[in-house]
Structure formats: C-alpha cells, structure tokens
Amino acid sequence: MKPSVQAVHFEDVEAIPLPSGSWSRMVLSAANIGGIRSSLGYSIFRPGTVTDPVSHEVEELAFVVDGNGELRLEGDTLPFRAGHALHIPARVWHAVANTGKEDMVMVFTFPSPGYPPTDRR
C-alpha cells in the first residue's frame, strides 16, 4: 500500500506549556501520523523566556523563523537569530532563552516518532 501525504495544522495539536506563556506543539508525530519515524515541532518563546535545561537521547535540529535568543549550554552560550539553523547533538544539555524584545519562533525536529526520551534539570 502506498503511503498517503498528510497535512496537519499546528493549531490542531495541543500546546505544551513552557515558562512565561510560551508553548511548543509536536505538530507531526506518531500521535497524529501513523507509521511516522521522525517528528516535527513548532515553538513560540515569549520575550524573557528561559527553559529548564534538557538533554535528549537523540540529536535535535532547529530553525529559527523569527526573533533571536541563545542556547545556554554547560559553561557556554550560543547566540542565534532568525535564519539560523541549529544542530544540538544527542545528550548535550541545553536551555533556550529568548533574549530579544519580540516573540521568538522556532521549528524543530527529532529522528524519533515523538518527543524523545529526555533528561531534565
């Protein structure tokens, strides 16, 4: 059987609350696409938002659509702005901070059918 192409609007997926009124949505995942082997998410980070540090079992790829901020790593920071693509290797501790005055919009993906196993601090 030939797989079908599907479209999912981000507003049709439940938001995952983040600090400061920010949120993420796992737009494409095994929860809404049968047989999917990777996942795609969309996040809005309000100004001043800093997430708790996390370390995923798999790598994460992200694209900054709008705004600017930084990844806070152990002992280092990586500034980014709209147009930057980010590669976060598996098991690297990181937190996302919106250091700008506007919402920061990010699209992210994992080679996992949903949000991967993650350690949190």
Protein backbone atom coordinates (compact mmCIF):
# COMPACT_ATOMS: atom_id res chain seq x y z
CA MET A 1 0.00 0.00 0.00
CA LYS A 2 1.32 3.41 -0.99
CA PRO A 3 1.70 5.85 1.95
CA SER A 4 -0.51 8.93 1.85
CA VAL A 5 0.65 12.52 2.12
CA GLN A 6 -0.88 14.31 5.08
CA ALA A 7 -1.12 17.89 6.33
CA VAL A 8 -1.56 18.90 9.96
CA HIS A 9 -2.12 22.50 11.07
CA PHE A 10 -0.24 23.40 14.25
CA GLU A 11 -3.43 24.77 15.86
CA ASP A 12 -4.97 21.28 15.60
CA VAL A 13 -2.33 19.92 18.01
CA GLU A 14 -2.45 20.50 21.76
CA ALA A 15 0.06 23.03 23.08
CA ILE A 16 2.72 22.02 25.60
CA PRO A 17 3.07 24.89 28.09
CA LEU A 18 6.52 26.42 28.62
CA PRO A 19 7.60 29.19 31.05
CA SER A 20 6.40 32.79 30.65
CA GLY A 21 3.37 31.93 28.49
CA SER A 22 5.50 30.26 25.83
CA TRP A 23 4.50 26.94 24.24
CA SER A 24 5.50 24.13 21.90
CA ARG A 25 3.46 21.78 19.75
CA MET A 26 4.61 18.43 18.36
CA VAL A 27 2.90 19.05 15.01
CA LEU A 28 3.97 15.84 13.27
CA SER A 29 4.44 12.78 15.45
CA ALA A 30 3.22 9.23 15.96
CA ALA A 31 0.32 10.74 17.91
CA ASN A 32 -1.24 12.01 14.68
CA ILE A 33 0.59 10.31 11.78
CA GLY A 34 0.62 6.52 11.75
CA GLY A 35 3.98 4.94 10.93
CA ILE A 36 5.98 8.17 11.17
CA ARG A 37 9.65 7.70 12.13
CA SER A 38 10.61 11.30 12.89
CA SER A 39 8.84 14.28 14.42
CA LEU A 40 8.44 18.00 13.84
CA GLY A 41 7.60 20.67 16.37
CA TYR A 42 6.84 24.38 16.48
CA SER A 43 7.56 26.69 19.42
CA ILE A 44 6.82 30.27 20.41
CA PHE A 45 9.14 31.69 23.08
CA ARG A 46 7.89 34.95 24.63
CA PRO A 47 10.45 37.66 25.48
CA GLY A 48 12.39 36.78 28.64
CA THR A 49 11.57 33.07 28.46
CA VAL A 50 14.30 30.68 29.61
CA THR A 51 13.52 26.97 29.53
CA ASP A 52 14.84 24.46 32.03
CA PRO A 53 17.94 22.59 30.80
CA VAL A 54 17.25 19.36 28.91
CA SER A 55 19.30 16.58 27.35
CA HIS A 56 17.65 14.48 24.64
CA GLU A 57 18.52 10.87 23.81
CA VAL A 58 18.75 11.86 20.11
CA GLU A 59 20.01 14.88 18.20
CA GLU A 60 17.76 17.88 17.64
CA LEU A 61 17.67 20.11 14.58
CA ALA A 62 16.03 23.52 14.78
CA PHE A 63 15.40 26.51 12.54
CA VAL A 64 14.82 29.99 13.96
CA VAL A 65 11.97 31.51 11.95
CA ASP A 66 11.72 34.83 13.80
CA GLY A 67 13.33 36.62 16.73
CA ASN A 68 16.60 35.96 18.50
CA GLY A 69 17.96 34.27 21.55
CA GLU A 70 20.62 31.90 22.74
CA LEU A 71 21.20 28.30 23.63
CA ARG A 72 22.56 28.07 27.14
CA LEU A 73 24.99 25.20 27.29
CA GLU A 74 27.13 23.91 30.12
CA GLY A 75 29.65 26.71 30.55
CA ASP A 76 28.87 28.41 27.21
CA THR A 77 26.19 30.18 25.21
CA LEU A 78 25.40 30.11 21.50
CA PRO A 79 23.58 33.23 20.28
CA PHE A 80 21.19 32.85 17.33
CA ARG A 81 18.70 34.88 15.34
CA ALA A 82 16.11 34.45 12.62
CA GLY A 83 17.53 32.45 9.72
CA HIS A 84 19.90 30.34 11.83
CA ALA A 85 19.70 26.56 11.75
CA LEU A 86 20.84 24.80 14.92
CA HIS A 87 22.25 21.31 15.44
CA ILE A 88 22.16 20.05 19.01
CA PRO A 89 23.90 16.67 19.33
CA ALA A 90 22.34 13.91 21.40
CA ARG A 91 22.87 14.17 25.17
CA VAL A 92 24.04 17.82 25.10
CA TRP A 93 22.49 19.80 27.95
CA HIS A 94 20.81 22.95 26.66
CA ALA A 95 18.24 25.57 27.54
CA VAL A 96 16.57 28.00 25.14
CA ALA A 97 16.46 31.69 26.08
CA ASN A 98 14.63 34.44 24.21
CA THR A 99 16.92 37.41 24.73
CA GLY A 100 15.01 39.72 22.39
CA LYS A 101 12.03 42.03 22.76
CA GLU A 102 9.76 40.09 20.37
CA ASP A 103 8.46 36.53 20.26
CA MET A 104 11.00 34.01 19.02
CA VAL A 105 9.62 31.35 16.68
CA MET A 106 11.43 28.05 16.21
CA VAL A 107 10.72 24.88 14.24
CA PHE A 108 12.47 21.74 15.49
CA THR A 109 12.75 18.10 14.58
CA PHE A 110 13.92 14.83 16.09
CA PRO A 111 14.80 11.48 14.46
CA SER A 112 12.17 9.99 16.75
CA PRO A 113 8.41 9.41 16.17
CA GLY A 114 7.61 11.77 19.05
CA TYR A 115 9.27 13.89 21.66
CA PRO A 116 12.30 11.73 22.53
CA PRO A 117 13.31 10.44 25.95
CA THR A 118 14.70 13.49 27.72
CA ASP A 119 16.52 14.19 30.99
CA ARG A 120 15.62 17.42 32.77
CA ARG A 121 17.34 19.60 35.37
